Amino acid sequence: MVDVVAAELDRVHVRMAGRFTRSEPRERVREYVSGLVAGLERKNGWTLAERSGAVSPDGMRRQFSGAAGRTENCQIGTFSAYAAARGHALVDRELYLPESWTDDRQRCRAAGIPEEVAFATRPRQAMAMPARAFAARVPFARVTADEAYGQVKYLRVWLEERDASYVPATRRTEVLITTTGHQRQADQLVADLGARAWRRIFGRCGSHGPREYDWARIPIRIGWARGRGHWLPARRSISHPDQIAYYVCYGPHRSSLADLAWIAGAPLRIEEC
């Protein structure tokens, strides 16, 4: 049985090796996975490091993971993907370092983190990656992101200053400026929509089959720039109409609702990547 496990670990290690440029993380990943399937009484950064012969758990350190909802053995990253009709792939990434790391320069040096790397929030990292894409003149139609980034207003302002169209998700409680200059929450604006405002739109296929939702959009903001517009698109579940996702949009005045719906689904491609 031990030989079978070792052989499988070797096979997994070969598959993972191509994802790491340096030999150190390649070997560390193998030791980490080996420790997870080992018969240890407790499995944490210290016990996994001790089993691998490391003097400290820095290479297998735990931090809080929003996806897991708890402190976990993980590394948090901000990723950028390029999606088109023919496929999608990751094109950029930033390793998120909490302030407990960046405030400890000795720890950073030991981990090979350059001195110039300072603490940056994930929205700030999300600004750096489009900036590199702009500098490289990467052709694209719109920028999208999940709610963690979409609700950050300074990120949206930064994109508008560069006339970059966007359709990120946002929280239902975000306060928006209406076309009459008033302030209302996103969910309040959508709640006022009549039945005729909604259109059923077929999206891309997911792991559970075709994705189909009811969509609507509401013009927002005053003083649109020439040829540009602002909208609040909303996506409603067909089987559970109380489940509604909200987005904020800036882009060409002639943008169709179907186009916005397709772009709004792009974060799923990042998760697939």
C-alpha atoms as a PDB file:
ATOM      1  CA  MET A   1       0.000   0.000   0.000  1.00  0.00           C
ATOM      2  CA  VAL A   2       2.893   2.357   0.825  1.00  0.00           C
ATOM      3  CA  ASP A   3       4.402   1.728  -2.617  1.00  0.00           C
ATOM      4  CA  VAL A   4       1.083   2.591  -4.268  1.00  0.00           C
ATOM      5  CA  VAL A   5       0.806   5.896  -2.363  1.00  0.00           C
ATOM      6  CA  ALA A   6       4.428   6.777  -3.169  1.00  0.00           C
ATOM      7  CA  ALA A   7       3.877   6.014  -6.841  1.00  0.00           C
ATOM      8  CA  GLU A   8       0.763   8.178  -6.941  1.00  0.00           C
ATOM      9  CA  LEU A   9       2.615  11.014  -5.194  1.00  0.00           C
ATOM     10  CA  ASP A  10       5.360  10.763  -7.798  1.00  0.00           C
ATOM     11  CA  ARG A  11       2.762  10.947 -10.571  1.00  0.00           C
ATOM     12  CA  VAL A  12       1.034  13.978  -9.034  1.00  0.00           C
ATOM     13  CA  HIS A  13       4.388  15.645  -8.468  1.00  0.00           C
ATOM     14  CA  VAL A  14       5.314  15.268 -12.129  1.00  0.00           C
ATOM     15  CA  ARG A  15       1.993  16.816 -13.159  1.00  0.00           C
ATOM     16  CA  MET A  16       2.447  19.763 -10.788  1.00  0.00           C
ATOM     17  CA  ALA A  17       6.122  20.363 -11.504  1.00  0.00           C
ATOM     18  CA  GLY A  18       5.478  22.326 -14.666  1.00  0.00           C
ATOM     19  CA  ARG A  19       3.497  24.920 -12.710  1.00  0.00           C
ATOM     20  CA  PHE A  20       6.539  26.012 -10.656  1.00  0.00           C
ATOM     21  CA  THR A  21       9.647  27.611 -12.105  1.00  0.00           C
ATOM     22  CA  ARG A  22      11.869  27.166  -9.053  1.00  0.00           C
ATOM     23  CA  SER A  23      12.803  23.781  -7.620  1.00  0.00           C
ATOM     24  CA  GLU A  24      12.158  24.805  -3.984  1.00  0.00           C
ATOM     25  CA  PRO A  25       8.378  25.276  -4.288  1.00  0.00           C
ATOM     26  CA  ARG A  26       8.151  22.138  -6.438  1.00  0.00           C
ATOM     27  CA  GLU A  27       9.701  20.049  -3.683  1.00  0.00           C
ATOM     28  CA  ARG A  28       7.750  21.846  -0.971  1.00  0.00           C
ATOM     29  CA  VAL A  29       4.457  21.078  -2.727  1.00  0.00           C
ATOM     30  CA  ARG A  30       5.380  17.401  -2.883  1.00  0.00           C
ATOM     31  CA  GLU A  31       6.186  17.349   0.832  1.00  0.00           C
ATOM     32  CA  TYR A  32       3.000  19.250   1.610  1.00  0.00           C
ATOM     33  CA  VAL A  33       0.776  16.816  -0.326  1.00  0.00           C
ATOM     34  CA  SER A  34       2.669  13.871   1.131  1.00  0.00           C
ATOM     35  CA  GLY A  35       1.988  15.201   4.612  1.00  0.00           C
ATOM     36  CA  LEU A  36      -1.721  15.613   3.915  1.00  0.00           C
ATOM     37  CA  VAL A  37      -2.110  11.916   3.086  1.00  0.00           C
ATOM     38  CA  ALA A  38       0.228  10.758   5.860  1.00  0.00           C
ATOM     39  CA  GLY A  39      -1.108   9.272   9.085  1.00  0.00           C
ATOM     40  CA  LEU A  40      -0.313  12.280  11.251  1.00  0.00           C
ATOM     41  CA  GLU A  41      -2.389  12.740  14.386  1.00  0.00           C
ATOM     42  CA  ARG A  42      -2.652  16.485  13.681  1.00  0.00           C
ATOM     43  CA  LYS A  43      -2.040  18.273  10.413  1.00  0.00           C
ATOM     44  CA  ASN A  44      -0.980  21.917  10.535  1.00  0.00           C
ATOM     45  CA  GLY A  45       1.896  24.056   9.357  1.00  0.00           C
ATOM     46  CA  TRP A  46       4.201  22.903  12.135  1.00  0.00           C
ATOM     47  CA  THR A  47       3.531  19.161  11.886  1.00  0.00           C
ATOM     48  CA  LEU A  48       3.730  19.163   8.085  1.00  0.00           C
ATOM     49  CA  ALA A  49       6.983  21.139   8.215  1.00  0.00           C
ATOM     50  CA  GLU A  50       8.443  18.842  10.886  1.00  0.00           C
ATOM     51  CA  ARG A  51       7.605  15.777   8.821  1.00  0.00           C
ATOM     52  CA  SER A  52       9.332  17.289   5.785  1.00  0.00           C
ATOM     53  CA  GLY A  53      12.461  18.085   7.803  1.00  0.00           C
ATOM     54  CA  ALA A  54      11.989  21.871   7.665  1.00  0.00           C
ATOM     55  CA  VAL A  55      13.143  23.941  10.648  1.00  0.00           C
ATOM     56  CA  SER A  56      10.043  26.182  10.566  1.00  0.00           C
ATOM     57  CA  PRO A  57       6.543  26.157   9.046  1.00  0.00           C
ATOM     58  CA  ASP A  58       7.080  29.346   7.014  1.00  0.00           C
ATOM     59  CA  GLY A  59       6.815  27.455   3.738  1.00  0.00           C
ATOM     60  CA  MET A  60       3.538  25.856   4.824  1.00  0.00           C
ATOM     61  CA  ARG A  61       2.165  28.741   6.876  1.00  0.00           C
ATOM     62  CA  ARG A  62      -1.581  29.176   7.414  1.00  0.00           C
ATOM     63  CA  GLN A  63      -3.536  32.354   6.767  1.00  0.00           C
ATOM     64  CA  PHE A  64      -7.191  33.325   6.613  1.00  0.00           C
ATOM     65  CA  SER A  65      -8.928  32.277   3.403  1.00  0.00           C
ATOM     66  CA  GLY A  66     -12.134  34.055   2.460  1.00  0.00           C
ATOM     67  CA  ALA A  67     -13.073  31.201   0.135  1.00  0.00           C
ATOM     68  CA  ALA A  68     -12.723  28.658   2.937  1.00  0.00           C
ATOM     69  CA  GLY A  69     -14.120  30.998   5.578  1.00  0.00           C
ATOM     70  CA  ARG A  70     -11.387  30.070   8.050  1.00  0.00           C
ATOM     71  CA  THR A  71      -7.648  30.050   8.683  1.00  0.00           C
ATOM     72  CA  GLU A  72      -6.206  27.429   6.372  1.00  0.00           C
ATOM     73  CA  ASN A  73      -2.996  26.191   4.766  1.00  0.00           C
ATOM     74  CA  CYS A  74      -3.104  28.361   1.676  1.00  0.00           C
ATOM     75  CA  GLN A  75      -1.735  31.238  -0.317  1.00  0.00           C
ATOM     76  CA  ILE A  76      -4.084  34.030  -1.397  1.00  0.00           C
ATOM     77  CA  GLY A  77      -3.685  35.455  -4.870  1.00  0.00           C
ATOM     78  CA  THR A  78      -5.292  38.004  -7.169  1.00  0.00           C
ATOM     79  CA  PHE A  79      -5.640  36.702 -10.715  1.00  0.00           C
ATOM     80  CA  SER A  80      -6.363  38.199 -14.114  1.00  0.00           C
ATOM     81  CA  ALA A  81      -7.782  36.106 -16.953  1.00  0.00           C
ATOM     82  CA  TYR A  82      -8.343  36.866 -20.613  1.00  0.00           C
ATOM     83  CA  ALA A  83     -11.651  35.498 -21.931  1.00  0.00           C
ATOM     84  CA  ALA A  84     -12.817  35.326 -25.523  1.00  0.00           C
ATOM     85  CA  ALA A  85     -15.315  33.290 -27.530  1.00  0.00           C
ATOM     86  CA  ARG A  86     -12.689  30.635 -28.312  1.00  0.00           C
ATOM     87  CA  GLY A  87     -11.350  30.137 -24.804  1.00  0.00           C
ATOM     88  CA  HIS A  88      -9.861  31.693 -21.696  1.00  0.00           C
ATOM     89  CA  ALA A  89      -6.596  31.598 -19.750  1.00  0.00           C
ATOM     90  CA  LEU A  90      -4.824  33.325 -16.875  1.00  0.00           C
ATOM     91  CA  VAL A  91      -2.564  36.156 -18.028  1.00  0.00           C
ATOM     92  CA  ASP A  92      -1.387  37.781 -14.775  1.00  0.00           C
ATOM     93  CA  ARG A  93      -1.296  37.266 -11.024  1.00  0.00           C
ATOM     94  CA  GLU A  94      -0.231  38.865  -7.758  1.00  0.00           C
ATOM     95  CA  LEU A  95       0.527  37.046  -4.512  1.00  0.00           C
ATOM     96  CA  TYR A  96      -1.384  38.678  -1.670  1.00  0.00           C
ATOM     97  CA  LEU A  97       0.772  39.286   1.382  1.00  0.00           C
ATOM     98  CA  PRO A  98      -0.977  40.329   4.621  1.00  0.00           C
ATOM     99  CA  GLU A  99       0.538  43.142   6.684  1.00  0.00           C
ATOM    100  CA  SER A 100       1.857  40.566   9.163  1.00  0.00           C
ATOM    101  CA  TRP A 101       4.220  39.571   6.362  1.00  0.00           C
ATOM    102  CA  THR A 102       5.108  42.934   4.836  1.00  0.00           C
ATOM    103  CA  ASP A 103       5.745  44.475   8.272  1.00  0.00           C
ATOM    104  CA  ASP A 104       8.309  41.759   8.982  1.00  0.00           C
ATOM    105  CA  ARG A 105      11.117  42.479   6.506  1.00  0.00           C
ATOM    106  CA  GLN A 106      13.373  39.776   7.944  1.00  0.00           C
ATOM    107  CA  ARG A 107      10.678  37.214   7.281  1.00  0.00           C
ATOM    108  CA  CYS A 108      10.215  38.592   3.758  1.00  0.00           C
ATOM    109  CA  ARG A 109      13.938  38.380   3.033  1.00  0.00           C
ATOM    110  CA  ALA A 110      14.028  34.798   4.255  1.00  0.00           C
ATOM    111  CA  ALA A 111      11.177  33.966   1.865  1.00  0.00           C
ATOM    112  CA  GLY A 112      12.873  35.725  -1.061  1.00  0.00           C
ATOM    113  CA  ILE A 113      10.397  38.617  -1.217  1.00  0.00           C
ATOM    114  CA  PRO A 114      12.054  41.745  -2.667  1.00  0.00           C
ATOM    115  CA  GLU A 115      12.543  44.734  -0.384  1.00  0.00           C
ATOM    116  CA  GLU A 116      10.417  46.983  -2.618  1.00  0.00           C
ATOM    117  CA  VAL A 117       7.316  44.809  -2.186  1.00  0.00           C
ATOM    118  CA  ALA A 118       4.984  46.612   0.206  1.00  0.00           C
ATOM    119  CA  PHE A 119       1.516  45.821   1.492  1.00  0.00           C
ATOM    120  CA  ALA A 120      -1.216  46.218  -1.111  1.00  0.00           C
ATOM    121  CA  THR A 121      -4.906  45.455  -0.813  1.00  0.00           C
ATOM    122  CA  ARG A 122      -6.360  43.103  -3.385  1.00  0.00           C
ATOM    123  CA  PRO A 123      -8.246  45.938  -5.152  1.00  0.00           C
ATOM    124  CA  ARG A 124      -4.920  47.763  -5.492  1.00  0.00           C
ATOM    125  CA  GLN A 125      -3.444  44.590  -6.950  1.00  0.00           C
ATOM    126  CA  ALA A 126      -6.426  44.427  -9.285  1.00  0.00           C
ATOM    127  CA  MET A 127      -5.499  47.903 -10.534  1.00  0.00           C
ATOM    128  CA  ALA A 128      -1.893  46.920 -11.184  1.00  0.00           C
ATOM    129  CA  MET A 129      -2.786  44.068 -13.531  1.00  0.00           C
ATOM    130  CA  PRO A 130      -5.019  46.027 -15.961  1.00  0.00           C
ATOM    131  CA  ALA A 131      -2.357  48.754 -15.860  1.00  0.00           C
ATOM    132  CA  ARG A 132       0.177  46.242 -17.158  1.00  0.00           C
ATOM    133  CA  ALA A 133      -2.328  45.063 -19.779  1.00  0.00           C
ATOM    134  CA  PHE A 134      -2.900  48.669 -20.893  1.00  0.00           C
ATOM    135  CA  ALA A 135       0.857  49.253 -21.132  1.00  0.00           C
ATOM    136  CA  ALA A 136       1.247  46.080 -23.207  1.00  0.00           C
ATOM    137  CA  ARG A 137      -1.651  47.202 -25.435  1.00  0.00           C
ATOM    138  CA  VAL A 138      -3.600  43.997 -24.867  1.00  0.00           C
ATOM    139  CA  PRO A 139      -6.864  44.282 -26.856  1.00  0.00           C
ATOM    140  CA  PHE A 140     -10.020  43.817 -24.793  1.00  0.00           C
ATOM    141  CA  ALA A 141     -13.650  44.946 -24.721  1.00  0.00           C
ATOM    142  CA  ARG A 142     -14.523  45.141 -21.015  1.00  0.00           C
ATOM    143  CA  VAL A 143     -13.202  44.500 -17.528  1.00  0.00           C
ATOM    144  CA  THR A 144     -15.205  42.425 -15.067  1.00  0.00           C
ATOM    145  CA  ALA A 145     -14.654  41.093 -11.559  1.00  0.00           C
ATOM    146  CA  ASP A 146     -16.525  39.620  -8.630  1.00  0.00           C
ATOM    147  CA  GLU A 147     -18.153  41.622  -5.828  1.00  0.00           C
ATOM    148  CA  ALA A 148     -14.946  41.931  -3.784  1.00  0.00           C
ATOM    149  CA  TYR A 149     -13.558  44.241  -6.475  1.00  0.00           C
ATOM    150  CA  GLY A 150     -16.715  45.563  -8.103  1.00  0.00           C
ATOM    151  CA  GLN A 151     -17.916  47.338  -4.968  1.00  0.00           C
ATOM    152  CA  VAL A 152     -14.664  49.334  -4.746  1.00  0.00           C
ATOM    153  CA  LYS A 153     -15.572  52.710  -6.220  1.00  0.00           C
ATOM    154  CA  TYR A 154     -12.022  54.027  -6.638  1.00  0.00           C
ATOM    155  CA  LEU A 155     -11.236  51.037  -8.850  1.00  0.00           C
ATOM    156  CA  ARG A 156     -14.207  51.846 -11.090  1.00  0.00           C
ATOM    157  CA  VAL A 157     -13.234  55.517 -11.220  1.00  0.00           C
ATOM    158  CA  TRP A 158      -9.696  54.516 -12.192  1.00  0.00           C
ATOM    159  CA  LEU A 159     -11.047  52.437 -15.087  1.00  0.00           C
ATOM    160  CA  GLU A 160     -13.341  55.235 -16.261  1.00  0.00           C
ATOM    161  CA  GLU A 161     -10.442  57.690 -16.278  1.00  0.00           C
ATOM    162  CA  ARG A 162      -8.842  55.358 -18.828  1.00  0.00           C
ATOM    163  CA  ASP A 163     -12.129  54.909 -20.704  1.00  0.00           C
ATOM    164  CA  ALA A 164     -12.039  51.183 -19.943  1.00  0.00           C
ATOM    165  CA  SER A 165     -15.530  49.659 -20.048  1.00  0.00           C
ATOM    166  CA  TYR A 166     -16.469  47.456 -17.094  1.00  0.00           C
ATOM    167  CA  VAL A 167     -19.217  45.137 -15.782  1.00  0.00           C
ATOM    168  CA  PRO A 168     -18.216  43.959 -12.267  1.00  0.00           C
ATOM    169  CA  ALA A 169     -20.555  42.532  -9.648  1.00  0.00           C
ATOM    170  CA  THR A 170     -21.499  44.654  -6.652  1.00  0.00           C
ATOM    171  CA  ARG A 171     -23.389  44.238  -3.403  1.00  0.00           C
ATOM    172  CA  ARG A 172     -27.152  44.769  -3.304  1.00  0.00           C
ATOM    173  CA  THR A 173     -26.808  47.523  -0.689  1.00  0.00           C
ATOM    174  CA  GLU A 174     -24.511  49.736  -2.761  1.00  0.00           C
ATOM    175  CA  VAL A 175     -25.877  53.270  -2.972  1.00  0.00           C
ATOM    176  CA  LEU A 176     -26.015  54.528  -6.570  1.00  0.00           C
ATOM    177  CA  ILE A 177     -26.821  57.875  -8.178  1.00  0.00           C
ATOM    178  CA  THR A 178     -29.978  57.710 -10.306  1.00  0.00           C
ATOM    179  CA  THR A 179     -30.535  59.565 -13.586  1.00  0.00           C
ATOM    180  CA  THR A 180     -32.518  62.148 -11.600  1.00  0.00           C
ATOM    181  CA  GLY A 181     -29.621  62.784  -9.217  1.00  0.00           C
ATOM    182  CA  HIS A 182     -31.093  60.908  -6.237  1.00  0.00           C
ATOM    183  CA  GLN A 183     -29.379  58.185  -4.191  1.00  0.00           C
ATOM    184  CA  ARG A 184     -30.867  54.694  -3.916  1.00  0.00           C
ATOM    185  CA  GLN A 185     -29.671  51.219  -3.131  1.00  0.00           C
ATOM    186  CA  ALA A 186     -29.198  48.757  -5.969  1.00  0.00           C
ATOM    187  CA  ASP A 187     -31.822  46.337  -4.637  1.00  0.00           C
ATOM    188  CA  GLN A 188     -34.360  49.161  -4.235  1.00  0.00           C
ATOM    189  CA  LEU A 189     -33.948  50.219  -7.856  1.00  0.00           C
ATOM    190  CA  VAL A 190     -34.392  46.649  -9.095  1.00  0.00           C
ATOM    191  CA  ALA A 191     -37.403  46.041  -6.826  1.00  0.00           C
ATOM    192  CA  ASP A 192     -39.256  48.828  -8.660  1.00  0.00           C
ATOM    193  CA  LEU A 193     -38.933  47.107 -12.040  1.00  0.00           C
ATOM    194  CA  GLY A 194     -42.041  45.693 -13.671  1.00  0.00           C
ATOM    195  CA  ALA A 195     -42.349  42.248 -15.231  1.00  0.00           C
ATOM    196  CA  ARG A 196     -41.756  43.595 -18.754  1.00  0.00           C
ATOM    197  CA  ALA A 197     -38.319  44.906 -17.802  1.00  0.00           C
ATOM    198  CA  TRP A 198     -36.927  41.377 -17.515  1.00  0.00           C
ATOM    199  CA  ARG A 199     -35.591  39.323 -20.432  1.00  0.00           C
ATOM    200  CA  ARG A 200     -34.632  35.656 -20.387  1.00  0.00           C
ATOM    201  CA  ILE A 201     -31.088  35.301 -21.706  1.00  0.00           C
ATOM    202  CA  PHE A 202     -29.223  32.091 -22.378  1.00  0.00           C
ATOM    203  CA  GLY A 203     -25.623  32.192 -21.180  1.00  0.00           C
ATOM    204  CA  ARG A 204     -22.683  29.869 -21.574  1.00  0.00           C
ATOM    205  CA  CYS A 205     -22.929  26.249 -20.423  1.00  0.00           C
ATOM    206  CA  GLY A 206     -21.682  25.431 -16.946  1.00  0.00           C
ATOM    207  CA  SER A 207     -20.803  22.180 -15.195  1.00  0.00           C
ATOM    208  CA  HIS A 208     -24.517  21.558 -14.556  1.00  0.00           C
ATOM    209  CA  GLY A 209     -25.734  22.381 -18.038  1.00  0.00           C
ATOM    210  CA  PRO A 210     -26.922  25.584 -19.755  1.00  0.00           C
ATOM    211  CA  ARG A 211     -26.999  28.749 -17.673  1.00  0.00           C
ATOM    212  CA  GLU A 212     -30.203  30.705 -18.184  1.00  0.00           C
ATOM    213  CA  TYR A 213     -31.368  33.690 -16.159  1.00  0.00           C
ATOM    214  CA  ASP A 214     -33.757  36.616 -16.320  1.00  0.00           C
ATOM    215  CA  TRP A 215     -31.927  39.905 -16.866  1.00  0.00           C
ATOM    216  CA  ALA A 216     -32.830  43.580 -16.613  1.00  0.00           C
ATOM    217  CA  ARG A 217     -30.919  46.844 -16.518  1.00  0.00           C
ATOM    218  CA  ILE A 218     -31.541  50.356 -15.243  1.00  0.00           C
ATOM    219  CA  PRO A 219     -29.796  53.538 -16.457  1.00  0.00           C
ATOM    220  CA  ILE A 220     -27.967  55.285 -13.601  1.00  0.00           C
ATOM    221  CA  ARG A 221     -25.812  58.387 -13.097  1.00  0.00           C
ATOM    222  CA  ILE A 222     -26.168  61.804 -14.649  1.00  0.00           C
ATOM    223  CA  GLY A 223     -23.952  63.576 -17.134  1.00  0.00           C
ATOM    224  CA  TRP A 224     -22.992  60.642 -19.351  1.00  0.00           C
ATOM    225  CA  ALA A 225     -19.902  61.194 -21.489  1.00  0.00           C
ATOM    226  CA  ARG A 226     -20.486  61.328 -25.230  1.00  0.00           C
ATOM    227  CA  GLY A 227     -21.098  57.827 -26.567  1.00  0.00           C
ATOM    228  CA  ARG A 228     -20.863  56.263 -23.085  1.00  0.00           C
ATOM    229  CA  GLY A 229     -23.396  55.171 -20.488  1.00  0.00           C
ATOM    230  CA  HIS A 230     -23.848  53.812 -16.951  1.00  0.00           C
ATOM    231  CA  TRP A 231     -26.261  51.025 -16.003  1.00  0.00           C
ATOM    232  CA  LEU A 232     -27.237  48.739 -13.157  1.00  0.00           C
ATOM    233  CA  PRO A 233     -27.720  45.267 -14.708  1.00  0.00           C
ATOM    234  CA  ALA A 234     -29.423  42.618 -12.551  1.00  0.00           C
ATOM    235  CA  ARG A 235     -29.513  38.835 -12.938  1.00  0.00           C
ATOM    236  CA  ARG A 236     -32.432  36.894 -11.446  1.00  0.00           C
ATOM    237  CA  SER A 237     -32.654  33.152 -10.915  1.00  0.00           C
ATOM    238  CA  ILE A 238     -35.526  31.524 -12.812  1.00  0.00           C
ATOM    239  CA  SER A 239     -36.217  28.846 -10.191  1.00  0.00           C
ATOM    240  CA  HIS A 240     -35.591  31.161  -7.202  1.00  0.00           C
ATOM    241  CA  PRO A 241     -36.671  34.699  -8.206  1.00  0.00           C
ATOM    242  CA  ASP A 242     -35.570  36.107  -4.847  1.00  0.00           C
ATOM    243  CA  GLN A 243     -31.944  35.321  -5.742  1.00  0.00           C
ATOM    244  CA  ILE A 244     -30.679  38.379  -7.615  1.00  0.00           C
ATOM    245  CA  ALA A 245     -27.128  39.367  -8.505  1.00  0.00           C
ATOM    246  CA  TYR A 246     -26.251  43.015  -9.109  1.00  0.00           C
ATOM    247  CA  TYR A 247     -23.655  44.615 -11.381  1.00  0.00           C
ATOM    248  CA  VAL A 248     -22.449  48.114 -12.248  1.00  0.00           C
ATOM    249  CA  CYS A 249     -21.654  48.940 -15.840  1.00  0.00           C
ATOM    250  CA  TYR A 250     -19.844  51.633 -17.789  1.00  0.00           C
ATOM    251  CA  GLY A 251     -19.389  51.353 -21.520  1.00  0.00           C
ATOM    252  CA  PRO A 252     -20.536  52.186 -25.043  1.00  0.00           C
ATOM    253  CA  HIS A 253     -23.986  53.736 -25.251  1.00  0.00           C
ATOM    254  CA  ARG A 254     -25.144  51.054 -27.701  1.00  0.00           C
ATOM    255  CA  SER A 255     -24.260  48.128 -25.398  1.00  0.00           C
ATOM    256  CA  SER A 256     -26.956  45.448 -25.489  1.00  0.00           C
ATOM    257  CA  LEU A 257     -28.257  43.650 -22.416  1.00  0.00           C
ATOM    258  CA  ALA A 258     -27.141  40.328 -23.927  1.00  0.00           C
ATOM    259  CA  ASP A 259     -23.583  41.656 -24.261  1.00  0.00           C
ATOM    260  CA  LEU A 260     -23.535  42.771 -20.633  1.00  0.00           C
ATOM    261  CA  ALA A 261     -24.907  39.399 -19.497  1.00  0.00           C
ATOM    262  CA  TRP A 262     -22.129  37.562 -21.349  1.00  0.00           C
ATOM    263  CA  ILE A 263     -19.420  39.770 -19.851  1.00  0.00           C
ATOM    264  CA  ALA A 264     -20.917  39.487 -16.349  1.00  0.00           C
ATOM    265  CA  GLY A 265     -20.389  35.713 -16.496  1.00  0.00           C
ATOM    266  CA  ALA A 266     -16.657  36.047 -17.185  1.00  0.00           C
ATOM    267  CA  PRO A 267     -15.541  35.670 -13.513  1.00  0.00           C
ATOM    268  CA  LEU A 268     -16.600  32.026 -13.789  1.00  0.00           C
ATOM    269  CA  ARG A 269     -13.854  31.633 -16.377  1.00  0.00           C
ATOM    270  CA  ILE A 270     -11.299  32.898 -13.863  1.00  0.00           C
ATOM    271  CA  GLU A 271     -12.462  30.280 -11.375  1.00  0.00           C
ATOM    272  CA  GLU A 272     -12.126  27.613 -14.074  1.00  0.00           C
ATOM    273  CA  CYS A 273      -8.592  28.805 -14.803  1.00  0.00           C
END
